[in-house]
Amino acid sequence: MVPLSALGQQRDIDVIQLDPVGTWRCVVYGHPTFGDERVALSFAPDQSARIARSADGGTPTWSPMSRWQVENGLMSFADTRTGRKFTADLERETLSGEWRTLSQLGGWWCAASDADEGPGVDILSTVGESETNEPTKRLIPYIMATPTFPRRAVRQAKEGRVVLCFVVEPSGEIFEPEFVELSDEIFRATSLDALMRSRYQPWDPRADGGARPACRSFIYRLDYRY
């Protein structure tokens, strides 16, 4: 006879498709004040978790978070500093999900990092975050196309919200788009078209690092059409 606990573990193994262990370049979005935040997340095999973000006037450092857990394919962990509780569906192709506090809701999306985690490594330089205000260290929009409001949505009096996360190469081109929020399929095509017509200002990867993750949101309102 197989113990119930073993059956539960086997069910989790069958469900999980994405291994979260490793270091990730991430965008945490949806905060009404801070906007998009670029951070680094690290998940160890012993289920410990860390986050790195810019420090005011200092060197970015790793801070501990709660231990990460997986139940029925859903990963969860918490950042005690901000009070955010994070969840991620590991059946997705990329590590992404939502975060919640008592009064707020947002999302997060990650791309795998190839950075070394050795002592003294500024992990945030890999995610496009700067210790200064130098514009070359940040993603600067060059062409930001906006989507058209689908006629069928107008006829059906539908409003919606779409969030797309993606990777920006040093050339400024957008790759690997993923829908992390899509209120209705009717908005999929126009949102993706607008995103892929957009560009960011290019940068020198030798000076400012390689590809960076980013997200864009589109809000479709009948009283304010794009």
C-alpha atoms as a PDB file:
ATOM      1  CA  MET A   1       0.000   0.000   0.000  1.00  0.00           C
ATOM      2  CA  VAL A   2       1.263   3.493  -0.892  1.00  0.00           C
ATOM      3  CA  PRO A   3       0.922   6.109   1.889  1.00  0.00           C
ATOM      4  CA  LEU A   4      -1.452   9.000   1.185  1.00  0.00           C
ATOM      5  CA  SER A   5       1.378  11.478   1.594  1.00  0.00           C
ATOM      6  CA  ALA A   6       3.320   9.715  -1.132  1.00  0.00           C
ATOM      7  CA  LEU A   7       0.284   9.816  -3.407  1.00  0.00           C
ATOM      8  CA  GLY A   8      -0.006  13.539  -2.835  1.00  0.00           C
ATOM      9  CA  GLN A   9       3.659  14.046  -3.650  1.00  0.00           C
ATOM     10  CA  GLN A  10       3.307  11.995  -6.828  1.00  0.00           C
ATOM     11  CA  ARG A  11       0.294  14.060  -7.889  1.00  0.00           C
ATOM     12  CA  ASP A  12       2.326  17.261  -7.454  1.00  0.00           C
ATOM     13  CA  ILE A  13       5.171  15.791  -9.502  1.00  0.00           C
ATOM     14  CA  ASP A  14       2.768  14.879 -12.289  1.00  0.00           C
ATOM     15  CA  VAL A  15       1.265  18.385 -12.347  1.00  0.00           C
ATOM     16  CA  ILE A  16       4.460  20.444 -12.166  1.00  0.00           C
ATOM     17  CA  GLN A  17       5.994  21.304 -15.519  1.00  0.00           C
ATOM     18  CA  LEU A  18       8.215  24.248 -14.590  1.00  0.00           C
ATOM     19  CA  ASP A  19      11.106  23.931 -12.137  1.00  0.00           C
ATOM     20  CA  PRO A  20      11.383  27.220 -10.194  1.00  0.00           C
ATOM     21  CA  VAL A  21      14.801  26.448  -8.698  1.00  0.00           C
ATOM     22  CA  GLY A  22      17.362  29.003  -9.833  1.00  0.00           C
ATOM     23  CA  THR A  23      17.770  32.756 -10.247  1.00  0.00           C
ATOM     24  CA  TRP A  24      15.223  34.796 -12.193  1.00  0.00           C
ATOM     25  CA  ARG A  25      15.053  38.334 -13.627  1.00  0.00           C
ATOM     26  CA  CYS A  26      11.563  39.565 -12.826  1.00  0.00           C
ATOM     27  CA  VAL A  27       9.065  42.368 -13.219  1.00  0.00           C
ATOM     28  CA  VAL A  28       6.596  42.985 -10.393  1.00  0.00           C
ATOM     29  CA  TYR A  29       3.767  45.117 -11.743  1.00  0.00           C
ATOM     30  CA  GLY A  30       0.428  46.563 -10.700  1.00  0.00           C
ATOM     31  CA  HIS A  31       1.438  48.711  -7.712  1.00  0.00           C
ATOM     32  CA  PRO A  32      -0.473  52.036  -7.918  1.00  0.00           C
ATOM     33  CA  THR A  33       2.480  54.058  -6.558  1.00  0.00           C
ATOM     34  CA  PHE A  34       5.689  52.288  -7.560  1.00  0.00           C
ATOM     35  CA  GLY A  35       4.590  51.016 -10.971  1.00  0.00           C
ATOM     36  CA  ASP A  36       6.736  48.278 -12.489  1.00  0.00           C
ATOM     37  CA  GLU A  37       9.571  47.082 -10.242  1.00  0.00           C
ATOM     38  CA  ARG A  38      12.494  45.096 -11.625  1.00  0.00           C
ATOM     39  CA  VAL A  39      13.890  42.653  -9.103  1.00  0.00           C
ATOM     40  CA  ALA A  40      15.776  39.378  -8.970  1.00  0.00           C
ATOM     41  CA  LEU A  41      14.314  36.295  -7.305  1.00  0.00           C
ATOM     42  CA  SER A  42      16.259  33.226  -6.225  1.00  0.00           C
ATOM     43  CA  PHE A  43      14.700  29.893  -5.253  1.00  0.00           C
ATOM     44  CA  ALA A  44      16.961  27.234  -3.732  1.00  0.00           C
ATOM     45  CA  PRO A  45      16.443  23.440  -3.672  1.00  0.00           C
ATOM     46  CA  ASP A  46      16.005  23.610   0.138  1.00  0.00           C
ATOM     47  CA  GLN A  47      12.930  25.846  -0.496  1.00  0.00           C
ATOM     48  CA  SER A  48      14.582  29.010   0.770  1.00  0.00           C
ATOM     49  CA  ALA A  49      13.803  32.136  -1.262  1.00  0.00           C
ATOM     50  CA  ARG A  50      15.492  35.519  -1.671  1.00  0.00           C
ATOM     51  CA  ILE A  51      14.798  38.813  -3.403  1.00  0.00           C
ATOM     52  CA  ALA A  52      17.228  41.508  -4.571  1.00  0.00           C
ATOM     53  CA  ARG A  53      16.200  45.077  -5.250  1.00  0.00           C
ATOM     54  CA  SER A  54      17.905  48.458  -5.446  1.00  0.00           C
ATOM     55  CA  ALA A  55      19.048  49.916  -2.154  1.00  0.00           C
ATOM     56  CA  ASP A  56      18.894  53.681  -1.634  1.00  0.00           C
ATOM     57  CA  GLY A  57      22.395  54.950  -2.252  1.00  0.00           C
ATOM     58  CA  GLY A  58      23.938  51.531  -1.716  1.00  0.00           C
ATOM     59  CA  THR A  59      24.683  48.219  -3.320  1.00  0.00           C
ATOM     60  CA  PRO A  60      21.704  45.941  -4.020  1.00  0.00           C
ATOM     61  CA  THR A  61      21.697  42.998  -1.638  1.00  0.00           C
ATOM     62  CA  TRP A  62      19.750  39.787  -1.219  1.00  0.00           C
ATOM     63  CA  SER A  63      16.954  39.756   1.379  1.00  0.00           C
ATOM     64  CA  PRO A  64      15.291  36.573   2.660  1.00  0.00           C
ATOM     65  CA  MET A  65      11.653  35.775   1.966  1.00  0.00           C
ATOM     66  CA  SER A  66       9.432  33.009   3.279  1.00  0.00           C
ATOM     67  CA  ARG A  67      10.113  29.459   2.139  1.00  0.00           C
ATOM     68  CA  TRP A  68       8.554  28.634  -1.207  1.00  0.00           C
ATOM     69  CA  GLN A  69       6.028  25.809  -1.337  1.00  0.00           C
ATOM     70  CA  VAL A  70       4.184  23.898  -4.039  1.00  0.00           C
ATOM     71  CA  GLU A  71       0.737  22.351  -3.681  1.00  0.00           C
ATOM     72  CA  ASN A  72      -1.176  20.886  -6.617  1.00  0.00           C
ATOM     73  CA  GLY A  73       1.067  22.693  -9.075  1.00  0.00           C
ATOM     74  CA  LEU A  74       0.643  26.109  -7.393  1.00  0.00           C
ATOM     75  CA  MET A  75       3.783  27.741  -6.037  1.00  0.00           C
ATOM     76  CA  SER A  76       3.506  30.233  -3.171  1.00  0.00           C
ATOM     77  CA  PHE A  77       5.849  32.401  -1.108  1.00  0.00           C
ATOM     78  CA  ALA A  78       5.741  35.763   0.668  1.00  0.00           C
ATOM     79  CA  ASP A  79       7.831  38.916   0.926  1.00  0.00           C
ATOM     80  CA  THR A  80       7.508  39.985   4.557  1.00  0.00           C
ATOM     81  CA  ARG A  81       9.046  43.385   3.833  1.00  0.00           C
ATOM     82  CA  THR A  82       6.193  44.465   1.552  1.00  0.00           C
ATOM     83  CA  GLY A  83       3.486  42.123   2.857  1.00  0.00           C
ATOM     84  CA  ARG A  84       2.964  40.653  -0.595  1.00  0.00           C
ATOM     85  CA  LYS A  85       1.924  37.042  -0.993  1.00  0.00           C
ATOM     86  CA  PHE A  86       2.993  35.591  -4.345  1.00  0.00           C
ATOM     87  CA  THR A  87       1.510  32.650  -6.241  1.00  0.00           C
ATOM     88  CA  ALA A  88       2.461  31.054  -9.564  1.00  0.00           C
ATOM     89  CA  ASP A  89       0.907  28.317 -11.674  1.00  0.00           C
ATOM     90  CA  LEU A  90       3.806  26.016 -12.531  1.00  0.00           C
ATOM     91  CA  GLU A  91       1.904  24.601 -15.483  1.00  0.00           C
ATOM     92  CA  ARG A  92       2.766  27.780 -17.402  1.00  0.00           C
ATOM     93  CA  GLU A  93       5.751  27.935 -19.710  1.00  0.00           C
ATOM     94  CA  THR A  94       7.258  30.840 -17.758  1.00  0.00           C
ATOM     95  CA  LEU A  95       7.445  31.632 -14.062  1.00  0.00           C
ATOM     96  CA  SER A  96       4.658  34.152 -13.490  1.00  0.00           C
ATOM     97  CA  GLY A  97       1.569  34.758 -11.408  1.00  0.00           C
ATOM     98  CA  GLU A  98      -0.057  37.278  -9.098  1.00  0.00           C
ATOM     99  CA  TRP A  99       0.686  38.975  -5.809  1.00  0.00           C
ATOM    100  CA  ARG A 100      -1.758  40.145  -3.154  1.00  0.00           C
ATOM    101  CA  THR A 101      -1.850  42.248  -0.020  1.00  0.00           C
ATOM    102  CA  LEU A 102      -4.853  43.021   2.155  1.00  0.00           C
ATOM    103  CA  SER A 103      -5.824  45.894  -0.143  1.00  0.00           C
ATOM    104  CA  GLN A 104      -3.917  45.460  -3.418  1.00  0.00           C
ATOM    105  CA  LEU A 105      -3.553  42.998  -6.282  1.00  0.00           C
ATOM    106  CA  GLY A 106      -0.915  42.805  -8.990  1.00  0.00           C
ATOM    107  CA  GLY A 107       1.187  40.422 -11.004  1.00  0.00           C
ATOM    108  CA  TRP A 108       4.743  39.275 -11.613  1.00  0.00           C
ATOM    109  CA  TRP A 109       6.632  37.686 -14.496  1.00  0.00           C
ATOM    110  CA  CYS A 110      10.149  36.276 -14.709  1.00  0.00           C
ATOM    111  CA  ALA A 111      12.788  35.282 -17.222  1.00  0.00           C
ATOM    112  CA  ALA A 112      15.603  32.907 -16.297  1.00  0.00           C
ATOM    113  CA  SER A 113      18.861  34.622 -15.374  1.00  0.00           C
ATOM    114  CA  ASP A 114      22.279  33.427 -16.476  1.00  0.00           C
ATOM    115  CA  ALA A 115      24.013  35.600 -13.890  1.00  0.00           C
ATOM    116  CA  ASP A 116      26.491  34.161 -11.436  1.00  0.00           C
ATOM    117  CA  GLU A 117      25.370  34.411  -7.816  1.00  0.00           C
ATOM    118  CA  GLY A 118      28.874  34.712  -6.399  1.00  0.00           C
ATOM    119  CA  PRO A 119      29.856  37.302  -3.767  1.00  0.00           C
ATOM    120  CA  GLY A 120      29.912  40.876  -5.013  1.00  0.00           C
ATOM    121  CA  VAL A 121      27.773  40.224  -8.078  1.00  0.00           C
ATOM    122  CA  ASP A 122      25.254  43.006  -8.718  1.00  0.00           C
ATOM    123  CA  ILE A 123      22.363  40.761  -9.706  1.00  0.00           C
ATOM    124  CA  LEU A 124      20.139  43.742 -10.448  1.00  0.00           C
ATOM    125  CA  SER A 125      22.389  44.846 -13.287  1.00  0.00           C
ATOM    126  CA  THR A 126      21.101  41.742 -15.039  1.00  0.00           C
ATOM    127  CA  VAL A 127      17.476  42.839 -14.734  1.00  0.00           C
ATOM    128  CA  GLY A 128      18.026  46.362 -15.990  1.00  0.00           C
ATOM    129  CA  GLU A 129      17.832  48.145 -12.649  1.00  0.00           C
ATOM    130  CA  SER A 130      20.338  50.878 -11.910  1.00  0.00           C
ATOM    131  CA  GLU A 131      21.857  52.188  -8.700  1.00  0.00           C
ATOM    132  CA  THR A 132      21.798  55.656 -10.302  1.00  0.00           C
ATOM    133  CA  ASN A 133      19.398  57.564 -12.455  1.00  0.00           C
ATOM    134  CA  GLU A 134      21.339  56.997 -15.671  1.00  0.00           C
ATOM    135  CA  PRO A 135      18.744  56.630 -18.446  1.00  0.00           C
ATOM    136  CA  THR A 136      20.936  54.145 -20.338  1.00  0.00           C
ATOM    137  CA  LYS A 137      20.331  51.631 -17.565  1.00  0.00           C
ATOM    138  CA  ARG A 138      16.562  51.630 -17.995  1.00  0.00           C
ATOM    139  CA  LEU A 139      14.173  50.641 -20.721  1.00  0.00           C
ATOM    140  CA  ILE A 140      13.283  53.766 -22.676  1.00  0.00           C
ATOM    141  CA  PRO A 141      10.243  53.602 -24.984  1.00  0.00           C
ATOM    142  CA  TYR A 142      10.969  54.475 -28.608  1.00  0.00           C
ATOM    143  CA  ILE A 143       7.720  53.489 -30.351  1.00  0.00           C
ATOM    144  CA  MET A 144       4.738  52.664 -28.151  1.00  0.00           C
ATOM    145  CA  ALA A 145       1.883  51.530 -30.381  1.00  0.00           C
ATOM    146  CA  THR A 146      -1.617  51.439 -28.926  1.00  0.00           C
ATOM    147  CA  PRO A 147      -4.239  48.837 -29.826  1.00  0.00           C
ATOM    148  CA  THR A 148      -7.419  49.522 -31.727  1.00  0.00           C
ATOM    149  CA  PHE A 149     -10.681  48.861 -29.935  1.00  0.00           C
ATOM    150  CA  PRO A 150     -12.162  45.714 -31.539  1.00  0.00           C
ATOM    151  CA  ARG A 151     -15.402  46.545 -33.337  1.00  0.00           C
ATOM    152  CA  ARG A 152     -16.992  43.370 -32.049  1.00  0.00           C
ATOM    153  CA  ALA A 153     -16.219  44.473 -28.491  1.00  0.00           C
ATOM    154  CA  VAL A 154     -17.887  47.823 -29.174  1.00  0.00           C
ATOM    155  CA  ARG A 155     -20.989  46.115 -30.563  1.00  0.00           C
ATOM    156  CA  GLN A 156     -21.131  43.820 -27.543  1.00  0.00           C
ATOM    157  CA  ALA A 157     -20.386  46.685 -25.126  1.00  0.00           C
ATOM    158  CA  LYS A 158     -17.386  44.841 -23.714  1.00  0.00           C
ATOM    159  CA  GLU A 159     -14.574  46.407 -21.730  1.00  0.00           C
ATOM    160  CA  GLY A 160     -11.387  44.642 -20.727  1.00  0.00           C
ATOM    161  CA  ARG A 161      -7.826  44.570 -19.465  1.00  0.00           C
ATOM    162  CA  VAL A 162      -4.776  42.855 -20.927  1.00  0.00           C
ATOM    163  CA  VAL A 163      -1.285  42.429 -19.461  1.00  0.00           C
ATOM    164  CA  LEU A 164       1.547  41.176 -21.659  1.00  0.00           C
ATOM    165  CA  CYS A 165       5.047  40.406 -20.402  1.00  0.00           C
ATOM    166  CA  PHE A 166       8.017  39.922 -22.677  1.00  0.00           C
ATOM    167  CA  VAL A 167      11.777  40.163 -23.128  1.00  0.00           C
ATOM    168  CA  VAL A 168      13.463  43.205 -24.682  1.00  0.00           C
ATOM    169  CA  GLU A 169      16.729  42.540 -26.513  1.00  0.00           C
ATOM    170  CA  PRO A 170      19.549  45.148 -26.621  1.00  0.00           C
ATOM    171  CA  SER A 171      18.383  45.994 -30.153  1.00  0.00           C
ATOM    172  CA  GLY A 172      15.153  47.307 -28.602  1.00  0.00           C
ATOM    173  CA  GLU A 173      13.061  44.577 -30.207  1.00  0.00           C
ATOM    174  CA  ILE A 174      10.449  42.611 -28.283  1.00  0.00           C
ATOM    175  CA  PHE A 175      10.564  38.819 -28.030  1.00  0.00           C
ATOM    176  CA  GLU A 176       8.789  36.022 -26.166  1.00  0.00           C
ATOM    177  CA  PRO A 177       5.485  37.813 -25.461  1.00  0.00           C
ATOM    178  CA  GLU A 178       3.195  36.082 -22.996  1.00  0.00           C
ATOM    179  CA  PHE A 179      -0.330  36.955 -21.902  1.00  0.00           C
ATOM    180  CA  VAL A 180      -0.408  36.992 -18.111  1.00  0.00           C
ATOM    181  CA  GLU A 181      -3.833  38.632 -17.934  1.00  0.00           C
ATOM    182  CA  LEU A 182      -6.541  38.528 -20.612  1.00  0.00           C
ATOM    183  CA  SER A 183     -10.058  39.452 -19.575  1.00  0.00           C
ATOM    184  CA  ASP A 184     -11.584  38.303 -22.882  1.00  0.00           C
ATOM    185  CA  GLU A 185     -10.261  36.598 -26.013  1.00  0.00           C
ATOM    186  CA  ILE A 186     -11.757  39.395 -28.081  1.00  0.00           C
ATOM    187  CA  PHE A 187      -8.836  41.633 -27.033  1.00  0.00           C
ATOM    188  CA  ARG A 188      -6.010  39.160 -27.756  1.00  0.00           C
ATOM    189  CA  ALA A 189      -5.189  39.977 -31.390  1.00  0.00           C
ATOM    190  CA  THR A 190      -5.254  43.778 -31.136  1.00  0.00           C
ATOM    191  CA  SER A 191      -3.144  43.754 -27.962  1.00  0.00           C
ATOM    192  CA  LEU A 192      -0.486  41.465 -29.406  1.00  0.00           C
ATOM    193  CA  ASP A 193      -0.381  43.478 -32.624  1.00  0.00           C
ATOM    194  CA  ALA A 194       0.183  46.729 -30.719  1.00  0.00           C
ATOM    195  CA  LEU A 195       2.912  45.176 -28.609  1.00  0.00           C
ATOM    196  CA  MET A 196       4.841  43.754 -31.554  1.00  0.00           C
ATOM    197  CA  ARG A 197       4.672  47.130 -33.350  1.00  0.00           C
ATOM    198  CA  SER A 198       6.354  48.751 -30.342  1.00  0.00           C
ATOM    199  CA  ARG A 199      10.087  49.240 -29.814  1.00  0.00           C
ATOM    200  CA  TYR A 200      12.454  50.394 -27.081  1.00  0.00           C
ATOM    201  CA  GLN A 201      15.602  52.431 -27.485  1.00  0.00           C
ATOM    202  CA  PRO A 202      18.576  50.110 -28.062  1.00  0.00           C
ATOM    203  CA  TRP A 203      21.524  49.939 -25.671  1.00  0.00           C
ATOM    204  CA  ASP A 204      25.062  48.597 -25.561  1.00  0.00           C
ATOM    205  CA  PRO A 205      24.948  45.131 -23.959  1.00  0.00           C
ATOM    206  CA  ARG A 206      28.647  45.368 -23.070  1.00  0.00           C
ATOM    207  CA  ALA A 207      27.991  48.381 -20.857  1.00  0.00           C
ATOM    208  CA  ASP A 208      24.379  47.951 -19.766  1.00  0.00           C
ATOM    209  CA  GLY A 209      23.791  44.203 -19.760  1.00  0.00           C
ATOM    210  CA  GLY A 210      21.755  41.879 -21.922  1.00  0.00           C
ATOM    211  CA  ALA A 211      18.056  41.263 -22.448  1.00  0.00           C
ATOM    212  CA  ARG A 212      15.600  42.629 -19.883  1.00  0.00           C
ATOM    213  CA  PRO A 213      12.074  41.564 -18.900  1.00  0.00           C
ATOM    214  CA  ALA A 214       9.215  44.052 -19.119  1.00  0.00           C
ATOM    215  CA  CYS A 215       5.417  44.208 -19.097  1.00  0.00           C
ATOM    216  CA  ARG A 216       2.730  46.384 -20.690  1.00  0.00           C
ATOM    217  CA  SER A 217      -0.934  46.656 -19.830  1.00  0.00           C
ATOM    218  CA  PHE A 218      -3.813  47.746 -22.053  1.00  0.00           C
ATOM    219  CA  ILE A 219      -7.160  48.882 -20.645  1.00  0.00           C
ATOM    220  CA  TYR A 220     -10.138  48.838 -22.985  1.00  0.00           C
ATOM    221  CA  ARG A 221     -12.880  51.237 -21.887  1.00  0.00           C
ATOM    222  CA  LEU A 222     -15.871  52.220 -23.958  1.00  0.00           C
ATOM    223  CA  ASP A 223     -15.668  55.823 -22.748  1.00  0.00           C
ATOM    224  CA  TYR A 224     -11.986  56.048 -23.720  1.00  0.00           C
ATOM    225  CA  ARG A 225     -11.028  54.158 -26.838  1.00  0.00           C
ATOM    226  CA  TYR A 226      -7.447  53.764 -27.955  1.00  0.00           C
END
